Amino acid sequence: MKSLRNIMILITLALGISLLVVFVTTGEAINSDDRIVLRFGHGAAETNERHIAVKHFKELVEKRSNGKIEVHIYPNEQLGSEAEMIESVTLNDLQMVASSAFSQYDQQISIIELPYLFDSYEEAWNVLDGPIGKEIAEPLLEDNLRILAYFENGFRHVTANKPVEKPEDFRGLKIRTPEFPLSLSTFNSLGANPTPMAFGELYMALQQGTVDAQENPVANIYASKFQEVQDYLNFTKHQYMALPAAINEEFWQSLSAEHKQIVEESSRDAAQYHRELIVEKEEKMIEELQEDGMQMVRPETDPFKEMTKVVYESFRKQFGDALLDKVLNEVQDS
């Protein structure tokens, strides 16, 4: 009986060890003496430059850490919408995310999305990489979100099945936008009918006529093949959006000083790589969209700027005079 009991104890211990091994080897974001697993989610397709840039981040981190940090990438909203992925990062269920949806936690970061704020990529980058970029990100630390770098999302343009050459062309246009207050306010000021929905649902919505139009940077339009369901690419350039890359603050604080430096520097290097990639490839993408039958419309943007000035006044109280004036002065000096 004693030997039988010993055998049963050994079997129980073996099963327990097996379950532990399964848990550790299948679980994500496991820290051990040998490795740190960092899960990184984003909402773009695997053909998108965003995914290419995040893969570059993975290569940099794994090389610089000599394999001590392992980066697992989850593109294409595999782990939920951008808003849901950000929430997962606040809880440390996901360690990093690249997204434009941080305004759900603090509106201050969305100040750079004011319509027609920037005329060029360089203006935007100068502001984001300076003191203002740090200031607008700081409140997110209260929600366990540390912004490490600003990846590129680009200038946004409107695709539709009709040309948009003047503000009047927006009247009654049912256009999909992200569920961001500034996006909704911008298109309301132009007389459109903004309709928020998840990006993953957009192609089907355009195909079925649930919405008439959408607005996105060229890279997203190209990667998502919107030329198959939209006839016109209208270069409204109505909004610039960065793509902040955030890491869970608790996870960040658990890293050694050396690993923090590796992750932060790799984030910045990958962000710059993403920016250069977008600028380099954008004209080629436009050419290919045109070859696929999409018609290009380049409207005079001053009338659109004039109509969206009301957005600045409605958000001035929210952002505060001091911050808004600081951003406007910084843009002017860029």
Protein backbone atom coordinates (compact mmCIF):
# COMPACT_ATOMS: atom_id res chain seq x y z
CA MET A 1 0.00 0.00 0.00
CA LYS A 2 2.85 2.33 0.90
CA SER A 3 4.54 1.78 -2.48
CA LEU A 4 1.21 2.32 -4.24
CA ARG A 5 0.75 5.60 -2.38
CA ASN A 6 4.25 6.70 -3.36
CA ILE A 7 3.49 5.89 -7.00
CA MET A 8 0.29 7.95 -6.84
CA ILE A 9 2.18 10.88 -5.32
CA LEU A 10 4.77 10.70 -8.11
CA ILE A 11 2.03 10.60 -10.77
CA THR A 12 0.30 13.61 -9.19
CA LEU A 13 3.58 15.54 -9.11
CA ALA A 14 4.29 14.64 -12.72
CA LEU A 15 0.86 15.83 -13.81
CA GLY A 16 1.30 19.07 -11.90
CA ILE A 17 4.67 19.71 -13.52
CA SER A 18 3.19 18.93 -16.96
CA LEU A 19 0.37 21.41 -16.44
CA LEU A 20 2.85 24.03 -15.27
CA VAL A 21 4.99 23.48 -18.38
CA VAL A 22 1.91 23.78 -20.62
CA PHE A 23 0.87 27.00 -18.87
CA VAL A 24 4.31 28.56 -19.12
CA THR A 25 4.96 27.53 -22.70
CA THR A 26 1.54 28.52 -24.03
CA GLY A 27 1.07 31.63 -21.93
CA GLU A 28 2.09 35.01 -23.32
CA ALA A 29 3.94 37.89 -21.64
CA ILE A 30 5.84 35.44 -19.41
CA ASN A 31 8.88 36.89 -17.65
CA SER A 32 11.64 34.49 -16.63
CA ASP A 33 15.38 34.49 -16.10
CA ASP A 34 15.77 33.40 -19.71
CA ARG A 35 13.34 35.55 -21.67
CA ILE A 36 10.74 38.29 -21.59
CA VAL A 37 7.79 37.97 -23.94
CA LEU A 38 6.36 41.26 -25.17
CA ARG A 39 3.05 41.06 -27.05
CA PHE A 40 2.49 43.91 -29.53
CA GLY A 41 -0.90 44.46 -31.18
CA HIS A 42 -2.04 46.78 -33.96
CA GLY A 43 -5.04 47.15 -36.25
CA ALA A 44 -3.50 47.24 -39.74
CA ALA A 45 -3.29 44.50 -42.34
CA GLU A 46 -0.07 42.53 -42.73
CA THR A 47 0.50 44.24 -46.10
CA ASN A 48 0.44 47.65 -44.41
CA GLU A 49 3.63 49.63 -43.72
CA ARG A 50 2.56 49.73 -40.08
CA HIS A 51 3.02 45.98 -39.80
CA ILE A 52 6.37 46.21 -41.60
CA ALA A 53 7.48 48.85 -39.08
CA VAL A 54 6.37 46.78 -36.08
CA LYS A 55 8.27 43.82 -37.53
CA HIS A 56 11.31 46.10 -37.72
CA PHE A 57 10.79 46.93 -34.03
CA LYS A 58 10.72 43.21 -33.26
CA GLU A 59 13.98 42.64 -35.16
CA LEU A 60 15.71 45.53 -33.39
CA VAL A 61 14.59 44.51 -29.90
CA GLU A 62 15.44 40.84 -30.31
CA LYS A 63 18.84 41.60 -31.82
CA ARG A 64 19.78 44.28 -29.29
CA SER A 65 18.67 42.15 -26.34
CA ASN A 66 20.45 39.05 -27.68
CA GLY A 67 17.13 37.24 -27.72
CA LYS A 68 16.33 38.00 -24.07
CA ILE A 69 13.24 39.91 -25.17
CA GLU A 70 10.88 38.09 -27.52
CA VAL A 71 8.31 40.18 -29.43
CA HIS A 72 5.06 38.56 -30.58
CA ILE A 73 3.08 40.63 -33.11
CA TYR A 74 -0.72 40.54 -33.51
CA PRO A 75 -1.84 42.55 -36.58
CA ASN A 76 -5.19 43.13 -38.24
CA GLU A 77 -7.26 43.54 -35.05
CA GLN A 78 -6.63 39.90 -34.11
CA LEU A 79 -6.96 40.84 -30.43
CA GLY A 80 -9.91 43.21 -30.85
CA SER A 81 -10.48 46.75 -32.06
CA GLU A 82 -7.86 49.42 -31.43
CA ALA A 83 -9.84 50.67 -28.42
CA GLU A 84 -10.03 47.14 -27.03
CA MET A 85 -6.31 46.57 -27.54
CA ILE A 86 -5.49 49.77 -25.68
CA GLU A 87 -7.67 48.59 -22.80
CA SER A 88 -5.76 45.29 -22.83
CA VAL A 89 -2.52 47.24 -22.50
CA THR A 90 -3.85 49.17 -19.51
CA LEU A 91 -4.46 45.77 -17.87
CA ASN A 92 -1.11 44.28 -19.03
CA ASP A 93 -2.95 41.52 -20.90
CA LEU A 94 -1.16 43.00 -23.91
CA GLN A 95 2.16 44.79 -23.44
CA MET A 96 2.28 47.19 -26.39
CA VAL A 97 -0.06 48.69 -28.95
CA ALA A 98 0.25 51.12 -31.88
CA SER A 99 -3.04 52.96 -32.24
CA SER A 100 -4.71 56.32 -32.75
CA ALA A 101 -7.48 55.67 -30.22
CA PHE A 102 -5.84 56.99 -27.02
CA SER A 103 -8.20 59.95 -26.73
CA GLN A 104 -10.70 57.65 -24.99
CA TYR A 105 -8.42 57.95 -21.94
CA ASP A 106 -7.32 61.57 -22.28
CA GLN A 107 -8.41 64.06 -24.93
CA GLN A 108 -5.21 66.10 -24.70
CA ILE A 109 -3.28 63.73 -26.97
CA SER A 110 -5.77 64.36 -29.77
CA ILE A 111 -4.85 68.04 -30.06
CA ILE A 112 -2.54 67.18 -32.96
CA GLU A 113 -5.59 65.91 -34.87
CA LEU A 114 -7.16 69.35 -35.24
CA PRO A 115 -8.17 69.83 -38.89
CA TYR A 116 -5.55 71.38 -41.16
CA LEU A 117 -3.12 71.90 -38.27
CA PHE A 118 -0.05 70.76 -40.22
CA ASP A 119 0.95 71.44 -43.81
CA SER A 120 3.71 68.84 -43.99
CA TYR A 121 5.01 65.67 -42.36
CA GLU A 122 8.09 67.54 -41.17
CA GLU A 123 5.98 70.06 -39.24
CA ALA A 124 4.12 67.26 -37.50
CA TRP A 125 7.28 65.33 -36.64
CA ASN A 126 8.99 68.42 -35.17
CA VAL A 127 6.06 68.95 -32.81
CA LEU A 128 5.67 65.29 -31.85
CA ASP A 129 9.38 64.71 -31.20
CA GLY A 130 9.70 67.81 -29.04
CA PRO A 131 8.39 68.91 -25.63
CA ILE A 132 4.76 68.99 -26.80
CA GLY A 133 4.88 65.31 -27.77
CA LYS A 134 5.91 64.48 -24.20
CA GLU A 135 3.42 66.87 -22.60
CA ILE A 136 0.36 65.53 -24.40
CA ALA A 137 1.34 61.93 -23.59
CA GLU A 138 2.00 62.45 -19.88
CA PRO A 139 -1.63 62.18 -18.61
CA LEU A 140 -1.89 58.67 -20.05
CA LEU A 141 0.52 57.39 -17.39
CA GLU A 142 -2.42 57.52 -14.97
CA ASP A 143 -4.00 54.75 -17.04
CA ASN A 144 -0.85 52.60 -17.16
CA LEU A 145 0.00 53.79 -20.69
CA ARG A 146 3.50 55.08 -21.48
CA ILE A 147 3.97 56.51 -24.98
CA LEU A 148 7.41 55.52 -26.25
CA ALA A 149 7.28 56.91 -29.79
CA TYR A 150 4.99 58.29 -32.46
CA PHE A 151 4.74 55.97 -35.43
CA GLU A 152 3.19 57.29 -38.66
CA ASN A 153 -0.48 57.33 -39.57
CA GLY A 154 -0.24 60.11 -42.12
CA PHE A 155 -2.51 62.72 -43.62
CA ARG A 156 -6.06 61.58 -44.10
CA HIS A 157 -7.99 61.83 -47.36
CA VAL A 158 -11.55 61.00 -48.40
CA THR A 159 -12.51 58.19 -50.77
CA ALA A 160 -16.03 58.13 -52.20
CA ASN A 161 -18.01 57.18 -55.27
CA LYS A 162 -18.16 60.83 -56.27
CA PRO A 163 -15.59 63.63 -56.46
CA VAL A 164 -15.24 65.96 -53.49
CA GLU A 165 -14.07 69.26 -54.93
CA LYS A 166 -15.69 71.77 -52.56
CA PRO A 167 -17.18 71.71 -49.05
CA GLU A 168 -20.71 71.52 -50.46
CA ASP A 169 -19.89 68.05 -51.82
CA PHE A 170 -19.87 66.79 -48.22
CA ARG A 171 -23.50 67.66 -47.56
CA GLY A 172 -25.36 64.56 -46.43
CA LEU A 173 -22.44 62.28 -47.32
CA LYS A 174 -22.52 59.23 -45.04
CA ILE A 175 -18.84 58.81 -44.25
CA ARG A 176 -17.22 56.31 -41.95
CA THR A 177 -14.89 57.85 -39.39
CA PRO A 178 -13.18 56.55 -36.26
CA GLU A 179 -15.18 57.23 -33.11
CA PHE A 180 -12.97 60.20 -32.18
CA PRO A 181 -14.62 63.47 -31.11
CA LEU A 182 -12.33 65.54 -33.34
CA SER A 183 -13.06 63.42 -36.41
CA LEU A 184 -16.80 63.61 -35.81
CA SER A 185 -16.67 67.35 -35.19
CA THR A 186 -14.58 67.94 -38.32
CA PHE A 187 -17.02 66.21 -40.63
CA ASN A 188 -20.05 67.68 -38.90
CA SER A 189 -18.59 71.13 -39.56
CA LEU A 190 -18.39 70.21 -43.27
CA GLY A 191 -22.03 69.12 -43.37
CA ALA A 192 -21.32 65.40 -43.74
CA ASN A 193 -22.97 62.57 -41.83
CA PRO A 194 -20.07 60.94 -39.93
CA THR A 195 -20.71 57.29 -39.08
CA PRO A 196 -18.24 55.64 -36.67
CA MET A 197 -17.47 51.95 -37.08
CA ALA A 198 -14.55 49.57 -36.55
CA PHE A 199 -11.97 49.61 -39.32
CA GLY A 200 -12.31 45.84 -39.77
CA GLU A 201 -15.96 46.30 -40.79
CA LEU A 202 -15.28 49.10 -43.28
CA TYR A 203 -14.62 47.26 -46.55
CA MET A 204 -17.87 45.32 -46.27
CA ALA A 205 -19.79 48.48 -45.31
CA LEU A 206 -18.51 50.25 -48.42
CA GLN A 207 -19.25 47.24 -50.59
CA GLN A 208 -22.81 46.98 -49.30
CA GLY A 209 -23.46 50.73 -49.35
CA THR A 210 -23.91 50.99 -45.58
CA VAL A 211 -21.68 54.07 -45.86
CA ASP A 212 -20.93 56.15 -48.96
CA ALA A 213 -17.38 57.17 -48.17
CA GLN A 214 -14.48 56.83 -45.76
CA GLU A 215 -11.34 58.75 -44.83
CA ASN A 216 -7.87 57.34 -44.21
CA PRO A 217 -4.22 57.83 -45.08
CA VAL A 218 -3.08 56.57 -48.49
CA ALA A 219 -1.25 53.60 -46.96
CA ASN A 220 -4.46 52.31 -45.33
CA ILE A 221 -6.50 52.91 -48.49
CA TYR A 222 -3.93 51.00 -50.53
CA ALA A 223 -3.45 48.09 -48.11
CA SER A 224 -7.20 47.62 -47.67
CA LYS A 225 -7.89 47.70 -51.44
CA PHE A 226 -10.56 50.36 -51.14
CA GLN A 227 -10.16 51.06 -54.86
CA GLU A 228 -12.27 47.93 -55.37
CA VAL A 229 -15.27 49.60 -53.69
CA GLN A 230 -14.60 53.34 -54.14
CA ASP A 231 -14.14 55.31 -57.36
CA TYR A 232 -12.49 58.54 -56.19
CA LEU A 233 -9.54 59.40 -53.98
CA ASN A 234 -10.05 63.01 -52.90
CA PHE A 235 -6.89 64.60 -51.50
CA THR A 236 -8.59 66.65 -48.79
CA LYS A 237 -5.60 66.33 -46.41
CA HIS A 238 -8.07 67.34 -43.72
CA GLN A 239 -6.34 65.80 -40.73
CA TYR A 240 -2.96 64.51 -39.64
CA MET A 241 -2.90 61.56 -37.27
CA ALA A 242 0.13 60.11 -35.59
CA LEU A 243 0.22 56.54 -34.37
CA PRO A 244 1.40 56.55 -30.75
CA ALA A 245 3.07 53.33 -29.60
CA ALA A 246 2.35 52.68 -25.92
CA ILE A 247 3.65 50.15 -23.44
CA ASN A 248 2.02 49.04 -20.19
CA GLU A 249 3.59 51.08 -17.38
CA GLU A 250 3.81 48.18 -14.91
CA PHE A 251 5.47 45.99 -17.51
CA TRP A 252 7.83 48.87 -18.33
CA GLN A 253 8.82 49.31 -14.69
CA SER A 254 9.52 45.56 -14.42
CA LEU A 255 12.23 45.85 -17.09
CA SER A 256 15.88 46.41 -16.27
CA ALA A 257 17.45 49.77 -17.16
CA GLU A 258 19.23 48.07 -20.07
CA HIS A 259 16.03 46.54 -21.43
CA LYS A 260 14.12 49.81 -21.03
CA GLN A 261 16.73 51.54 -23.14
CA ILE A 262 16.57 48.82 -25.80
CA VAL A 263 12.76 48.93 -26.04
CA GLU A 264 12.57 52.73 -26.07
CA GLU A 265 15.35 53.23 -28.62
CA SER A 266 13.95 50.48 -30.82
CA SER A 267 10.50 52.11 -30.65
CA ARG A 268 11.92 55.44 -31.80
CA ASP A 269 14.03 53.86 -34.52
CA ALA A 270 11.08 51.84 -35.80
CA ALA A 271 8.87 54.95 -35.73
CA GLN A 272 11.37 56.87 -37.86
CA TYR A 273 11.64 53.86 -40.17
CA HIS A 274 7.84 53.87 -40.49
CA ARG A 275 7.77 57.58 -41.31
CA GLU A 276 10.39 57.25 -44.02
CA LEU A 277 8.67 54.18 -45.43
CA ILE A 278 5.34 56.00 -45.73
CA VAL A 279 6.85 59.06 -47.44
CA GLU A 280 8.95 56.91 -49.77
CA LYS A 281 6.08 54.66 -50.86
CA GLU A 282 3.11 57.01 -50.87
CA GLU A 283 3.50 58.28 -54.45
CA LYS A 284 3.99 54.74 -55.74
CA MET A 285 0.80 53.64 -53.96
CA ILE A 286 -1.12 56.52 -55.54
CA GLU A 287 0.15 55.51 -58.99
CA GLU A 288 -0.98 51.92 -58.45
CA LEU A 289 -4.39 53.00 -57.16
CA GLN A 290 -4.77 55.11 -60.30
CA GLU A 291 -3.72 52.18 -62.50
CA ASP A 292 -6.46 50.14 -60.81
CA GLY A 293 -9.03 52.67 -61.98
CA MET A 294 -9.30 55.03 -59.03
CA GLN A 295 -9.72 58.66 -60.08
CA MET A 296 -7.64 61.30 -58.30
CA VAL A 297 -9.19 64.60 -57.21
CA ARG A 298 -6.99 67.39 -55.80
CA PRO A 299 -9.31 70.10 -54.47
CA GLU A 300 -8.29 73.54 -53.31
CA THR A 301 -8.23 73.07 -49.52
CA ASP A 302 -8.62 76.70 -48.33
CA PRO A 303 -12.47 76.57 -48.37
CA PHE A 304 -12.34 73.38 -46.27
CA LYS A 305 -9.94 75.03 -43.81
CA GLU A 306 -12.29 77.97 -43.46
CA MET A 307 -15.28 75.78 -42.66
CA THR A 308 -13.41 73.75 -40.04
CA LYS A 309 -12.18 76.76 -38.04
CA VAL A 310 -15.23 76.32 -35.83
CA VAL A 311 -13.69 73.04 -34.59
CA TYR A 312 -10.78 74.96 -33.05
CA GLU A 313 -13.10 77.20 -31.08
CA SER A 314 -15.26 74.33 -29.85
CA PHE A 315 -12.21 72.41 -28.59
CA ARG A 316 -10.25 75.40 -27.24
CA LYS A 317 -11.92 75.14 -23.82
CA GLN A 318 -11.24 71.42 -23.67
CA PHE A 319 -7.55 71.68 -24.56
CA GLY A 320 -7.02 74.97 -22.75
CA ASP A 321 -5.75 78.23 -24.21
CA ALA A 322 -2.20 77.65 -23.01
CA LEU A 323 -1.70 74.25 -24.68
CA LEU A 324 -3.49 75.15 -27.91
CA ASP A 325 -1.56 78.40 -28.31
CA LYS A 326 1.67 76.55 -27.54
CA VAL A 327 0.94 74.00 -30.28
CA LEU A 328 -0.03 76.70 -32.80
CA ASN A 329 3.15 78.67 -32.04
CA GLU A 330 5.26 75.52 -32.36
CA VAL A 331 3.70 74.75 -35.75
CA GLN A 332 4.32 78.30 -36.91
CA ASP A 333 7.99 78.05 -35.90
CA SER A 334 8.50 74.64 -37.56
